[in-house]
Amino acid sequence: MSKPLLTTVAVACALALPAAAHSRQITLSTTLNNYGGDGAYLAVYLTDAKGAYASTLWVAGGKAKYYKHLADWNRLSAGDSKRLDGVTGASVGAGRTLKVTAELADALIDAGYEIRVDAAVENMRDSPSEVRAPLTSTNAGKPQPGKQYIQALTFQLQ
């Protein structure tokens, strides 16, 4: 390997390793009530301390034509062209649990951010901001109740 290439690789590694050390994994479990309807569409996303959209963590439900029913998420994230890159899956049935894992920057934890979940079920009332859970280390592991379709949202930080 030539010295300039070796130097470039060394510098790239030195810059990348600290960035990797400043993030952590979050595992979210969203348990739905037995509401007696079809599968729910859920949008799990972050907002900052002012309530502005920060990023999408997961969207459950594969048909984009129904995303308009996830009203708060759809309105807040509309300008984010990457909002769905690799973060979609099937809808979630009544009484079931959606479990997803994402990487978050350490700087977001205990900094006023919120995890929000919008929910919508076909032929039933939409539930924007069904759950709003402050992204704090003290809330980790504590179930946050939903308003209508979600029994509880729990998150773990690794």
N, C-alpha and C. Protein backbone atom coordinates (compact mmCIF):
# COMPACT_ATOMS: atom_id res chain seq x y z
N MET A 1 0.85 -1.18 0.00
CA MET A 1 0.00 0.00 0.00
C MET A 1 0.89 1.24 0.00
N SER A 2 0.57 2.22 -0.80
CA SER A 2 1.39 3.44 -0.87
C SER A 2 1.15 4.29 0.37
N LYS A 3 2.14 5.12 0.70
CA LYS A 3 2.03 5.96 1.90
C LYS A 3 0.85 6.93 1.83
N PRO A 4 0.58 7.61 0.68
CA PRO A 4 -0.59 8.51 0.65
C PRO A 4 -1.90 7.76 0.87
N LEU A 5 -2.03 6.58 0.29
CA LEU A 5 -3.25 5.80 0.47
C LEU A 5 -3.36 5.34 1.92
N LEU A 6 -2.29 4.88 2.51
CA LEU A 6 -2.29 4.44 3.90
C LEU A 6 -2.67 5.60 4.82
N THR A 7 -2.14 6.77 4.54
CA THR A 7 -2.47 7.96 5.33
C THR A 7 -3.95 8.30 5.20
N THR A 8 -4.48 8.22 4.00
CA THR A 8 -5.90 8.51 3.78
C THR A 8 -6.77 7.53 4.54
N VAL A 9 -6.44 6.24 4.50
CA VAL A 9 -7.21 5.22 5.21
C VAL A 9 -7.14 5.47 6.72
N ALA A 10 -5.96 5.81 7.23
CA ALA A 10 -5.80 6.07 8.66
C ALA A 10 -6.63 7.27 9.11
N VAL A 11 -6.63 8.32 8.32
CA VAL A 11 -7.40 9.51 8.66
C VAL A 11 -8.90 9.20 8.61
N ALA A 12 -9.33 8.47 7.60
CA ALA A 12 -10.75 8.10 7.49
C ALA A 12 -11.20 7.28 8.70
N CYS A 13 -10.39 6.33 9.12
CA CYS A 13 -10.72 5.50 10.30
C CYS A 13 -10.76 6.36 11.55
N ALA A 14 -9.82 7.25 11.69
CA ALA A 14 -9.78 8.12 12.88
C ALA A 14 -11.02 8.99 12.97
N LEU A 15 -11.53 9.44 11.83
CA LEU A 15 -12.74 10.26 11.83
C LEU A 15 -14.00 9.43 12.03
N ALA A 16 -14.03 8.23 11.49
CA ALA A 16 -15.22 7.39 11.56
C ALA A 16 -15.43 6.77 12.94
N LEU A 17 -14.39 6.35 13.62
CA LEU A 17 -14.54 5.67 14.90
C LEU A 17 -15.18 6.54 15.97
N PRO A 18 -14.78 7.81 16.15
CA PRO A 18 -15.47 8.62 17.15
C PRO A 18 -16.94 8.82 16.83
N ALA A 19 -17.28 8.94 15.56
CA ALA A 19 -18.69 9.12 15.18
C ALA A 19 -19.50 7.89 15.57
N ALA A 20 -18.95 6.70 15.37
CA ALA A 20 -19.65 5.47 15.73
C ALA A 20 -19.81 5.36 17.23
N ALA A 21 -18.86 5.86 17.99
CA ALA A 21 -18.90 5.78 19.44
C ALA A 21 -19.95 6.72 20.03
N HIS A 22 -20.45 7.69 19.26
CA HIS A 22 -21.39 8.67 19.77
C HIS A 22 -22.83 8.39 19.34
N SER A 23 -23.14 7.13 19.14
CA SER A 23 -24.52 6.76 18.86
C SER A 23 -24.83 5.50 19.66
N ARG A 24 -26.11 5.25 19.79
CA ARG A 24 -26.51 4.04 20.49
C ARG A 24 -27.77 3.49 19.84
N GLN A 25 -28.00 2.25 20.12
CA GLN A 25 -29.15 1.56 19.55
C GLN A 25 -30.36 1.77 20.46
N ILE A 26 -31.51 1.98 19.83
CA ILE A 26 -32.76 2.07 20.56
C ILE A 26 -33.68 0.98 20.02
N THR A 27 -34.31 0.25 20.91
CA THR A 27 -35.28 -0.78 20.54
C THR A 27 -36.64 -0.32 21.04
N LEU A 28 -37.59 -0.22 20.11
CA LEU A 28 -38.93 0.25 20.43
C LEU A 28 -39.91 -0.91 20.32
N SER A 29 -40.76 -1.06 21.33
CA SER A 29 -41.82 -2.08 21.31
C SER A 29 -43.15 -1.35 21.45
N THR A 30 -44.00 -1.52 20.44
CA THR A 30 -45.32 -0.88 20.44
C THR A 30 -46.36 -1.99 20.47
N THR A 31 -47.07 -2.11 21.60
CA THR A 31 -48.09 -3.15 21.76
C THR A 31 -49.46 -2.54 21.52
N LEU A 32 -50.22 -3.15 20.62
CA LEU A 32 -51.55 -2.65 20.28
C LEU A 32 -52.63 -3.29 21.15
N ASN A 33 -53.68 -2.53 21.39
CA ASN A 33 -54.87 -3.05 22.07
C ASN A 33 -55.60 -4.00 21.13
N ASN A 34 -56.51 -4.79 21.67
CA ASN A 34 -57.41 -5.60 20.85
C ASN A 34 -58.61 -4.73 20.50
N TYR A 35 -58.46 -3.86 19.52
CA TYR A 35 -59.48 -2.87 19.17
C TYR A 35 -60.54 -3.42 18.23
N GLY A 36 -60.37 -4.65 17.72
CA GLY A 36 -61.40 -5.28 16.91
C GLY A 36 -61.49 -4.81 15.48
N GLY A 37 -60.37 -4.39 14.90
CA GLY A 37 -60.38 -3.94 13.51
C GLY A 37 -59.23 -4.53 12.73
N ASP A 38 -59.04 -4.02 11.52
CA ASP A 38 -57.95 -4.45 10.66
C ASP A 38 -56.60 -4.03 11.25
N GLY A 39 -55.53 -4.43 10.56
CA GLY A 39 -54.19 -4.06 10.98
C GLY A 39 -53.99 -2.55 10.99
N ALA A 40 -53.18 -2.10 11.91
CA ALA A 40 -52.93 -0.66 12.06
C ALA A 40 -51.71 -0.23 11.25
N TYR A 41 -51.81 0.95 10.70
CA TYR A 41 -50.66 1.65 10.12
C TYR A 41 -50.09 2.50 11.24
N LEU A 42 -48.78 2.44 11.42
CA LEU A 42 -48.12 3.22 12.47
C LEU A 42 -46.94 3.97 11.87
N ALA A 43 -46.76 5.21 12.29
CA ALA A 43 -45.56 5.97 11.94
C ALA A 43 -44.86 6.30 13.26
N VAL A 44 -43.61 5.83 13.39
CA VAL A 44 -42.82 6.08 14.59
C VAL A 44 -41.74 7.08 14.18
N TYR A 45 -41.71 8.24 14.82
CA TYR A 45 -40.81 9.30 14.38
C TYR A 45 -40.35 10.15 15.56
N LEU A 46 -39.32 10.96 15.32
CA LEU A 46 -38.77 11.85 16.34
C LEU A 46 -39.11 13.29 16.02
N THR A 47 -39.38 14.06 17.08
CA THR A 47 -39.51 15.50 16.95
C THR A 47 -38.52 16.14 17.93
N ASP A 48 -38.11 17.37 17.61
CA ASP A 48 -37.17 18.07 18.48
C ASP A 48 -37.91 18.79 19.60
N ALA A 49 -37.18 19.54 20.40
CA ALA A 49 -37.75 20.22 21.56
C ALA A 49 -38.85 21.22 21.19
N LYS A 50 -38.86 21.71 19.96
CA LYS A 50 -39.88 22.66 19.52
C LYS A 50 -41.04 21.96 18.80
N GLY A 51 -41.00 20.63 18.73
CA GLY A 51 -42.07 19.89 18.06
C GLY A 51 -41.87 19.74 16.57
N ALA A 52 -40.72 20.15 16.05
CA ALA A 52 -40.45 20.01 14.62
C ALA A 52 -39.96 18.60 14.31
N TYR A 53 -40.32 18.11 13.16
CA TYR A 53 -39.91 16.78 12.70
C TYR A 53 -38.39 16.67 12.66
N ALA A 54 -37.86 15.54 13.17
CA ALA A 54 -36.42 15.28 13.12
C ALA A 54 -36.12 14.11 12.19
N SER A 55 -36.80 12.97 12.36
CA SER A 55 -36.58 11.81 11.48
C SER A 55 -37.64 10.75 11.70
N THR A 56 -37.77 9.88 10.70
CA THR A 56 -38.68 8.74 10.78
C THR A 56 -37.88 7.53 11.22
N LEU A 57 -38.38 6.83 12.24
CA LEU A 57 -37.72 5.61 12.70
C LEU A 57 -38.32 4.37 12.06
N TRP A 58 -39.64 4.36 11.84
CA TRP A 58 -40.30 3.21 11.24
C TRP A 58 -41.71 3.58 10.80
N VAL A 59 -42.16 2.98 9.70
CA VAL A 59 -43.55 3.09 9.26
C VAL A 59 -44.05 1.67 9.02
N ALA A 60 -45.10 1.30 9.75
CA ALA A 60 -45.72 -0.02 9.59
C ALA A 60 -46.94 0.15 8.70
N GLY A 61 -46.93 -0.54 7.57
CA GLY A 61 -48.02 -0.45 6.60
C GLY A 61 -47.45 -0.12 5.24
N GLY A 62 -47.68 -0.97 4.27
CA GLY A 62 -46.98 -0.85 3.00
C GLY A 62 -47.62 -0.03 1.90
N LYS A 63 -48.85 0.41 2.05
CA LYS A 63 -49.51 1.14 0.97
C LYS A 63 -49.45 2.63 1.23
N ALA A 64 -48.64 3.33 0.45
CA ALA A 64 -48.40 4.76 0.65
C ALA A 64 -49.68 5.60 0.56
N LYS A 65 -50.69 5.11 -0.14
CA LYS A 65 -51.92 5.89 -0.27
C LYS A 65 -52.62 6.10 1.08
N TYR A 66 -52.28 5.28 2.08
CA TYR A 66 -52.89 5.42 3.40
C TYR A 66 -52.06 6.28 4.35
N TYR A 67 -50.88 6.70 3.94
CA TYR A 67 -50.00 7.48 4.83
C TYR A 67 -50.62 8.83 5.20
N LYS A 68 -51.53 9.33 4.36
CA LYS A 68 -52.17 10.60 4.69
C LYS A 68 -52.97 10.50 5.99
N HIS A 69 -53.35 9.28 6.39
CA HIS A 69 -54.09 9.08 7.63
C HIS A 69 -53.19 9.13 8.87
N LEU A 70 -51.89 9.07 8.65
CA LEU A 70 -50.92 9.25 9.74
C LEU A 70 -50.61 10.74 9.76
N ALA A 71 -51.62 11.51 10.14
CA ALA A 71 -51.70 12.94 9.85
C ALA A 71 -50.54 13.78 10.38
N ASP A 72 -50.19 13.66 11.64
CA ASP A 72 -49.11 14.50 12.18
C ASP A 72 -47.79 14.16 11.52
N TRP A 73 -47.48 12.88 11.42
CA TRP A 73 -46.23 12.45 10.78
C TRP A 73 -46.19 12.90 9.32
N ASN A 74 -47.29 12.69 8.60
CA ASN A 74 -47.34 13.05 7.18
C ASN A 74 -47.15 14.56 6.99
N ARG A 75 -47.78 15.35 7.83
CA ARG A 75 -47.66 16.81 7.73
C ARG A 75 -46.24 17.26 8.11
N LEU A 76 -45.72 16.76 9.22
CA LEU A 76 -44.41 17.20 9.70
C LEU A 76 -43.26 16.73 8.81
N SER A 77 -43.37 15.54 8.24
CA SER A 77 -42.25 14.95 7.50
C SER A 77 -42.34 15.15 5.99
N ALA A 78 -43.34 15.84 5.51
CA ALA A 78 -43.59 15.94 4.07
C ALA A 78 -42.39 16.40 3.26
N GLY A 79 -41.54 17.24 3.80
CA GLY A 79 -40.38 17.72 3.06
C GLY A 79 -39.17 16.82 3.13
N ASP A 80 -39.27 15.71 3.87
CA ASP A 80 -38.14 14.80 4.03
C ASP A 80 -38.21 13.70 2.97
N SER A 81 -37.48 13.89 1.88
CA SER A 81 -37.54 12.94 0.77
C SER A 81 -36.97 11.58 1.14
N LYS A 82 -36.19 11.49 2.20
CA LYS A 82 -35.60 10.22 2.62
C LYS A 82 -36.37 9.57 3.76
N ARG A 83 -37.54 10.09 4.08
CA ARG A 83 -38.25 9.63 5.28
C ARG A 83 -38.59 8.14 5.27
N LEU A 84 -38.67 7.52 4.10
CA LEU A 84 -39.05 6.11 4.04
C LEU A 84 -37.91 5.17 3.64
N ASP A 85 -36.70 5.68 3.49
CA ASP A 85 -35.57 4.83 3.08
C ASP A 85 -35.29 3.75 4.11
N GLY A 86 -35.68 2.52 3.80
CA GLY A 86 -35.37 1.37 4.65
C GLY A 86 -36.11 1.32 5.96
N VAL A 87 -37.22 2.05 6.10
CA VAL A 87 -37.92 2.06 7.38
C VAL A 87 -39.41 1.73 7.24
N THR A 88 -39.74 0.77 6.39
CA THR A 88 -41.14 0.40 6.24
C THR A 88 -41.32 -1.11 6.40
N GLY A 89 -42.50 -1.49 6.84
CA GLY A 89 -42.83 -2.90 6.99
C GLY A 89 -44.33 -3.08 6.96
N ALA A 90 -44.78 -4.28 7.26
CA ALA A 90 -46.21 -4.60 7.22
C ALA A 90 -46.97 -3.90 8.34
N SER A 91 -48.28 -3.77 8.14
CA SER A 91 -49.12 -3.20 9.20
C SER A 91 -49.11 -4.15 10.40
N VAL A 92 -49.63 -3.68 11.52
CA VAL A 92 -49.58 -4.45 12.77
C VAL A 92 -51.00 -4.81 13.19
N GLY A 93 -51.24 -6.09 13.46
CA GLY A 93 -52.57 -6.55 13.83
C GLY A 93 -52.95 -6.19 15.25
N ALA A 94 -54.24 -6.11 15.50
CA ALA A 94 -54.76 -5.83 16.84
C ALA A 94 -54.21 -6.84 17.83
N GLY A 95 -53.78 -6.38 18.99
CA GLY A 95 -53.25 -7.24 20.03
C GLY A 95 -51.81 -7.68 19.81
N ARG A 96 -51.19 -7.27 18.73
CA ARG A 96 -49.81 -7.66 18.41
C ARG A 96 -48.83 -6.57 18.84
N THR A 97 -47.54 -6.93 18.76
CA THR A 97 -46.48 -5.99 19.12
C THR A 97 -45.55 -5.77 17.94
N LEU A 98 -45.25 -4.51 17.66
CA LEU A 98 -44.26 -4.13 16.66
C LEU A 98 -42.97 -3.83 17.43
N LYS A 99 -41.89 -4.50 17.02
CA LYS A 99 -40.60 -4.27 17.66
C LYS A 99 -39.61 -3.88 16.58
N VAL A 100 -39.01 -2.69 16.72
CA VAL A 100 -38.03 -2.19 15.76
C VAL A 100 -36.81 -1.65 16.49
N THR A 101 -35.69 -1.66 15.78
CA THR A 101 -34.44 -1.16 16.32
C THR A 101 -33.87 -0.11 15.38
N ALA A 102 -33.31 0.95 15.94
CA ALA A 102 -32.71 2.02 15.15
C ALA A 102 -31.46 2.53 15.86
N GLU A 103 -30.65 3.27 15.12
CA GLU A 103 -29.47 3.93 15.68
C GLU A 103 -29.82 5.40 15.92
N LEU A 104 -29.47 5.88 17.11
CA LEU A 104 -29.70 7.29 17.44
C LEU A 104 -28.41 7.93 17.92
N ALA A 105 -28.21 9.16 17.59
CA ALA A 105 -27.06 9.90 18.10
C ALA A 105 -27.27 10.13 19.60
N ASP A 106 -26.22 9.98 20.38
CA ASP A 106 -26.29 10.22 21.82
C ASP A 106 -26.81 11.62 22.13
N ALA A 107 -26.50 12.58 21.28
CA ALA A 107 -26.89 13.97 21.51
C ALA A 107 -28.41 14.16 21.54
N LEU A 108 -29.19 13.21 21.00
CA LEU A 108 -30.65 13.33 20.98
C LEU A 108 -31.28 12.94 22.31
N ILE A 109 -30.58 12.13 23.08
CA ILE A 109 -31.13 11.60 24.33
C ILE A 109 -30.97 12.66 25.42
N ASP A 110 -32.04 12.89 26.15
CA ASP A 110 -32.08 13.90 27.22
C ASP A 110 -31.87 15.31 26.67
N ALA A 111 -32.29 15.54 25.43
CA ALA A 111 -32.10 16.86 24.80
C ALA A 111 -33.43 17.47 24.33
N GLY A 112 -34.55 16.99 24.88
CA GLY A 112 -35.85 17.56 24.53
C GLY A 112 -36.56 16.87 23.38
N TYR A 113 -35.97 15.83 22.80
CA TYR A 113 -36.61 15.12 21.69
C TYR A 113 -37.73 14.22 22.22
N GLU A 114 -38.68 13.94 21.34
CA GLU A 114 -39.80 13.05 21.66
C GLU A 114 -39.92 11.96 20.61
N ILE A 115 -40.30 10.79 21.07
CA ILE A 115 -40.71 9.71 20.16
C ILE A 115 -42.22 9.85 20.04
N ARG A 116 -42.69 9.92 18.80
CA ARG A 116 -44.14 10.01 18.58
C ARG A 116 -44.57 8.85 17.70
N VAL A 117 -45.80 8.42 17.92
CA VAL A 117 -46.39 7.36 17.09
C VAL A 117 -47.77 7.82 16.66
N ASP A 118 -47.99 7.89 15.35
CA ASP A 118 -49.33 8.13 14.78
C ASP A 118 -49.90 6.76 14.43
N ALA A 119 -51.21 6.60 14.57
CA ALA A 119 -51.86 5.33 14.25
C ALA A 119 -53.11 5.57 13.41
N ALA A 120 -53.39 4.63 12.50
CA ALA A 120 -54.59 4.68 11.68
C ALA A 120 -55.02 3.25 11.37
N VAL A 121 -56.33 3.01 11.43
CA VAL A 121 -56.90 1.70 11.13
C VAL A 121 -58.04 1.92 10.14
N GLU A 122 -58.09 1.06 9.11
CA GLU A 122 -59.13 1.17 8.08
C GLU A 122 -60.51 1.12 8.71
N ASN A 123 -61.39 2.02 8.26
CA ASN A 123 -62.77 2.14 8.71
C ASN A 123 -62.91 2.49 10.19
N MET A 124 -61.84 3.01 10.77
CA MET A 124 -61.89 3.47 12.16
C MET A 124 -61.24 4.86 12.22
N ARG A 125 -61.39 5.52 13.33
CA ARG A 125 -60.88 6.88 13.48
C ARG A 125 -59.34 6.90 13.52
N ASP A 126 -58.74 7.88 12.84
CA ASP A 126 -57.29 8.07 12.88
C ASP A 126 -56.89 8.61 14.25
N SER A 127 -55.64 8.34 14.63
CA SER A 127 -55.15 8.80 15.93
C SER A 127 -53.76 9.42 15.80
N PRO A 128 -53.71 10.70 15.39
CA PRO A 128 -52.41 11.38 15.29
C PRO A 128 -51.80 11.55 16.68
N SER A 129 -50.49 11.46 16.75
CA SER A 129 -49.78 11.57 18.02
C SER A 129 -50.41 10.69 19.10
N GLU A 130 -50.70 9.46 18.72
CA GLU A 130 -51.28 8.46 19.62
C GLU A 130 -50.44 8.30 20.89
N VAL A 131 -49.14 8.31 20.72
CA VAL A 131 -48.21 8.25 21.86
C VAL A 131 -47.17 9.35 21.66
N ARG A 132 -46.84 10.03 22.75
CA ARG A 132 -45.74 11.01 22.77
C ARG A 132 -44.90 10.69 23.99
N ALA A 133 -43.67 10.22 23.74
CA ALA A 133 -42.80 9.81 24.83
C ALA A 133 -41.49 10.60 24.78
N PRO A 134 -41.19 11.38 25.82
CA PRO A 134 -39.91 12.08 25.84
C PRO A 134 -38.75 11.10 25.74
N LEU A 135 -37.79 11.42 24.88
CA LEU A 135 -36.62 10.56 24.67
C LEU A 135 -35.58 10.88 25.75
N THR A 136 -35.82 10.32 26.93
CA THR A 136 -34.92 10.54 28.05
C THR A 136 -34.43 9.20 28.59
N SER A 137 -33.27 9.21 29.20
CA SER A 137 -32.74 7.97 29.77
C SER A 137 -33.62 7.49 30.92
N THR A 138 -34.30 8.40 31.62
CA THR A 138 -35.18 7.98 32.72
C THR A 138 -36.47 7.33 32.22
N ASN A 139 -36.90 7.63 30.99
CA ASN A 139 -38.09 7.00 30.42
C ASN A 139 -37.81 5.63 29.80
N ALA A 140 -36.54 5.32 29.58
CA ALA A 140 -36.19 4.02 28.98
C ALA A 140 -36.73 2.90 29.86
N GLY A 141 -37.40 1.96 29.23
CA GLY A 141 -37.96 0.81 29.94
C GLY A 141 -39.30 1.05 30.59
N LYS A 142 -39.80 2.27 30.58
CA LYS A 142 -41.09 2.59 31.19
C LYS A 142 -42.17 2.66 30.12
N PRO A 143 -43.22 1.84 30.22
CA PRO A 143 -44.29 1.88 29.22
C PRO A 143 -44.98 3.24 29.19
N GLN A 144 -45.17 3.76 27.98
CA GLN A 144 -45.87 5.02 27.76
C GLN A 144 -47.22 4.68 27.12
N PRO A 145 -48.33 5.00 27.77
CA PRO A 145 -49.64 4.58 27.26
C PRO A 145 -50.06 5.34 26.00
N GLY A 146 -50.84 4.66 25.17
CA GLY A 146 -51.44 5.27 24.00
C GLY A 146 -52.82 5.79 24.31
N LYS A 147 -53.43 6.47 23.33
CA LYS A 147 -54.76 7.06 23.53
C LYS A 147 -55.89 6.16 23.05
N GLN A 148 -55.66 5.37 21.98
CA GLN A 148 -56.77 4.64 21.38
C GLN A 148 -56.37 3.22 20.96
N TYR A 149 -55.46 3.09 20.02
CA TYR A 149 -55.10 1.77 19.48
C TYR A 149 -53.90 1.15 20.18
N ILE A 150 -53.04 1.97 20.74
CA ILE A 150 -51.79 1.47 21.33
C ILE A 150 -51.96 1.32 22.84
N GLN A 151 -51.67 0.11 23.30
CA GLN A 151 -51.69 -0.13 24.74
C GLN A 151 -50.49 0.56 25.39
N ALA A 152 -49.28 0.34 24.79
CA ALA A 152 -48.09 0.97 25.36
C ALA A 152 -46.94 0.97 24.36
N LEU A 153 -46.10 1.99 24.46
CA LEU A 153 -44.83 2.08 23.75
C LEU A 153 -43.74 2.02 24.81
N THR A 154 -42.79 1.15 24.60
CA THR A 154 -41.64 1.05 25.51
C THR A 154 -40.39 1.11 24.67
N PHE A 155 -39.37 1.84 25.15
CA PHE A 155 -38.10 1.85 24.43
C PHE A 155 -36.95 1.52 25.37
N GLN A 156 -35.96 0.86 24.80
CA GLN A 156 -34.75 0.49 25.54
C GLN A 156 -33.56 1.12 24.83
N LEU A 157 -32.62 1.65 25.58
CA LEU A 157 -31.40 2.20 25.03
C LEU A 157 -30.25 1.24 25.33
N GLN A 158 -29.43 0.92 24.31
CA GLN A 158 -28.29 0.05 24.52
C GLN A 158 -27.02 0.86 24.51
